[in-house]
Amino acid sequence: MTDDIVASVVRQWHAVNPELDTGPMELIGRINRCAALLQQAEDAPLRAAGLTRAEFDLLGAMRRNDRELTPGELARETFSSGAAVTKRLRALQESGLIGRRSDVRDRRVAHVGLTDEGRELVDRLLPEQLAYERSVLSGLDEETRDGLSGQLSALLLHLEGCLGGSRR
């Protein structure tokens, strides 16, 4: 098996400092490298539809909740800042994919929901995106994918517990 880039970095560190425990670097470095490569791939179906992953995440949050959400709820659902959500919502509204309405009791509160066009787009794109993601992972057998998913879930639960960021 060929060494990945992280193995090369670890070898270099061990050459300069053999006593160094690079265990955390080996795990976190690989997670970060995988994330960077996945981001570089730019989600071809989403890009073809003129959306970013972050915009699609907002549309997906509205679709799977199947109700209007406030920008604050969307920020929590997508682990985004309020400012980033506001910017993305503006672009999605200009594209006709979402609509906004003010709360009848408090005009400062906005409720955001999918338009018919937005709902149709999510329903069409999600199967395409999942097929794309399946192809990206096709080099791993099902047992490996399931094991990795379980291990990453355990890591995520641990990190949410000690670093915060838990959704609920």
Protein backbone atom coordinates (compact mmCIF):
# COMPACT_ATOMS: atom_id res chain seq x y z
CA MET A 1 0.00 0.00 0.00
CA THR A 2 1.27 3.46 -0.89
CA ASP A 3 1.76 5.96 1.91
CA ASP A 4 -0.57 8.93 2.05
CA ILE A 5 0.70 12.49 2.46
CA VAL A 6 0.20 12.38 6.24
CA ALA A 7 2.46 9.33 6.54
CA SER A 8 5.14 11.27 4.70
CA VAL A 9 4.77 14.24 7.07
CA VAL A 10 4.92 11.93 10.10
CA ARG A 11 8.12 10.31 8.78
CA GLN A 12 9.67 13.76 8.39
CA TRP A 13 8.75 14.70 11.97
CA HIS A 14 10.14 11.43 13.31
CA ALA A 15 13.39 12.07 11.45
CA VAL A 16 13.79 15.43 13.18
CA ASN A 17 12.33 14.41 16.54
CA PRO A 18 12.03 10.63 17.05
CA GLU A 19 10.49 11.08 20.53
CA LEU A 20 7.50 13.02 19.18
CA ASP A 21 4.08 11.34 19.58
CA THR A 22 2.44 12.06 16.22
CA GLY A 23 -0.69 10.00 16.91
CA PRO A 24 -3.05 12.99 17.05
CA MET A 25 -1.51 14.45 13.89
CA GLU A 26 -2.00 11.15 12.09
CA LEU A 27 -5.74 11.10 12.80
CA ILE A 28 -6.62 14.79 12.64
CA GLY A 29 -4.29 15.36 9.69
CA ARG A 30 -6.04 12.64 7.70
CA ILE A 31 -9.49 13.96 8.60
CA ASN A 32 -8.46 17.48 7.56
CA ARG A 33 -6.87 16.24 4.33
CA CYS A 34 -9.98 14.22 3.44
CA ALA A 35 -12.18 17.26 4.15
CA ALA A 36 -9.98 19.48 1.98
CA LEU A 37 -10.05 17.03 -0.93
CA LEU A 38 -13.82 16.64 -0.66
CA GLN A 39 -14.22 20.43 -0.66
CA GLN A 40 -11.98 20.71 -3.72
CA ALA A 41 -14.24 18.29 -5.57
CA GLU A 42 -16.88 21.02 -5.15
CA ASP A 43 -19.88 18.73 -5.34
CA ALA A 44 -20.36 18.51 -9.10
CA PRO A 45 -24.19 18.21 -9.16
CA LEU A 46 -24.56 21.22 -6.88
CA ARG A 47 -22.09 23.26 -8.90
CA ALA A 48 -23.95 22.35 -12.11
CA ALA A 49 -27.14 23.70 -10.52
CA GLY A 50 -25.35 26.93 -9.56
CA LEU A 51 -25.32 26.19 -5.83
CA THR A 52 -22.62 25.96 -3.24
CA ARG A 53 -22.63 23.19 -0.63
CA ALA A 54 -23.51 25.79 2.03
CA GLU A 55 -26.51 27.03 0.04
CA PHE A 56 -27.70 23.48 -0.57
CA ASP A 57 -27.33 22.76 3.15
CA LEU A 58 -29.75 25.62 3.87
CA LEU A 59 -32.23 24.38 1.27
CA GLY A 60 -31.88 20.84 2.62
CA ALA A 61 -32.52 22.00 6.20
CA MET A 62 -35.76 23.65 5.10
CA ARG A 63 -36.80 20.62 3.08
CA ARG A 64 -36.12 17.98 5.73
CA ASN A 65 -37.81 20.08 8.45
CA ASP A 66 -40.70 20.60 6.02
CA ARG A 67 -41.62 23.96 7.53
CA GLU A 68 -40.49 27.54 7.58
CA LEU A 69 -37.44 28.26 9.74
CA THR A 70 -35.97 31.44 11.12
CA PRO A 71 -32.44 32.44 10.09
CA GLY A 72 -31.31 31.59 13.64
CA GLU A 73 -32.75 28.09 13.36
CA LEU A 74 -31.05 27.68 9.98
CA ALA A 75 -27.73 28.79 11.47
CA ARG A 76 -28.05 26.11 14.16
CA GLU A 77 -29.17 23.46 11.66
CA THR A 78 -26.21 24.12 9.36
CA PHE A 79 -23.54 25.04 11.94
CA SER A 80 -23.11 28.43 10.25
CA SER A 81 -22.77 31.97 11.52
CA GLY A 82 -25.78 34.25 11.37
CA ALA A 83 -23.99 36.57 8.95
CA ALA A 84 -23.15 33.71 6.59
CA VAL A 85 -26.75 32.47 6.67
CA THR A 86 -28.08 35.97 5.95
CA LYS A 87 -25.78 36.33 2.94
CA ARG A 88 -26.72 32.90 1.57
CA LEU A 89 -30.44 33.46 2.12
CA ARG A 90 -30.26 36.71 0.17
CA ALA A 91 -28.72 34.87 -2.81
CA LEU A 92 -31.26 32.04 -2.59
CA GLN A 93 -34.14 34.51 -2.44
CA GLU A 94 -32.79 36.37 -5.48
CA SER A 95 -32.70 33.00 -7.27
CA GLY A 96 -36.36 32.42 -6.43
CA LEU A 97 -35.63 29.29 -4.38
CA ILE A 98 -36.84 30.63 -1.02
CA GLY A 99 -39.32 33.16 0.25
CA ARG A 100 -39.29 35.24 3.43
CA ARG A 101 -42.10 36.64 5.47
CA SER A 102 -42.08 38.72 8.61
CA ASP A 103 -43.55 37.40 11.82
CA VAL A 104 -46.97 38.91 12.47
CA ARG A 105 -46.13 39.54 16.15
CA ASP A 106 -42.51 40.63 15.76
CA ARG A 107 -41.51 42.22 12.45
CA ARG A 108 -37.83 41.74 13.33
CA VAL A 109 -38.25 37.96 13.02
CA ALA A 110 -38.21 36.46 9.53
CA HIS A 111 -39.60 33.09 8.53
CA VAL A 112 -37.90 31.46 5.57
CA GLY A 113 -39.35 28.69 3.44
CA LEU A 114 -38.82 26.97 0.14
CA THR A 115 -40.70 28.12 -2.92
CA ASP A 116 -42.17 25.44 -5.18
CA GLU A 117 -39.09 25.89 -7.38
CA GLY A 118 -36.79 25.45 -4.38
CA ARG A 119 -38.58 22.30 -3.21
CA GLU A 120 -38.45 20.80 -6.72
CA LEU A 121 -34.74 21.62 -6.99
CA VAL A 122 -33.88 19.93 -3.68
CA ASP A 123 -35.99 16.89 -4.54
CA ARG A 124 -34.23 16.60 -7.92
CA LEU A 125 -30.70 17.37 -6.71
CA LEU A 126 -30.52 15.26 -3.55
CA PRO A 127 -30.57 11.89 -5.36
CA GLU A 128 -27.98 13.22 -7.84
CA GLN A 129 -25.77 14.50 -5.01
CA LEU A 130 -26.04 11.22 -3.10
CA ALA A 131 -25.10 9.29 -6.25
CA TYR A 132 -22.11 11.61 -6.71
CA GLU A 133 -21.05 11.10 -3.08
CA ARG A 134 -21.52 7.34 -3.48
CA SER A 135 -19.17 7.40 -6.48
CA VAL A 136 -16.58 9.40 -4.50
CA LEU A 137 -16.64 6.67 -1.84
CA SER A 138 -16.82 3.77 -4.32
CA GLY A 139 -13.21 2.75 -3.65
CA LEU A 140 -14.21 1.64 -0.15
CA ASP A 141 -16.21 -1.52 0.42
CA GLU A 142 -19.45 -1.38 2.42
CA GLU A 143 -17.90 -2.82 5.57
CA THR A 144 -15.14 -0.20 5.51
CA ARG A 145 -17.63 2.62 4.88
CA ASP A 146 -19.88 1.43 7.72
CA GLY A 147 -16.96 1.05 10.11
CA LEU A 148 -15.55 4.45 9.23
CA SER A 149 -18.98 6.05 9.61
CA GLY A 150 -19.38 4.53 13.07
CA GLN A 151 -15.91 5.61 14.14
CA LEU A 152 -16.40 9.15 12.87
CA SER A 153 -19.74 9.29 14.67
CA ALA A 154 -18.03 8.33 17.91
CA LEU A 155 -15.38 11.01 17.33
CA LEU A 156 -18.04 13.60 16.54
CA LEU A 157 -20.01 12.80 19.69
CA HIS A 158 -16.81 13.06 21.74
CA LEU A 159 -15.83 16.39 20.18
CA GLU A 160 -19.32 17.83 20.56
CA GLY A 161 -19.22 16.83 24.21
CA CYS A 162 -15.83 18.33 25.00
CA LEU A 163 -15.58 21.20 22.51
CA GLY A 164 -19.23 22.15 22.20
CA GLY A 165 -21.11 22.57 18.98
CA SER A 166 -23.82 20.05 19.78
CA ARG A 167 -26.93 20.77 17.75
CA ARG A 168 -29.53 19.84 20.28
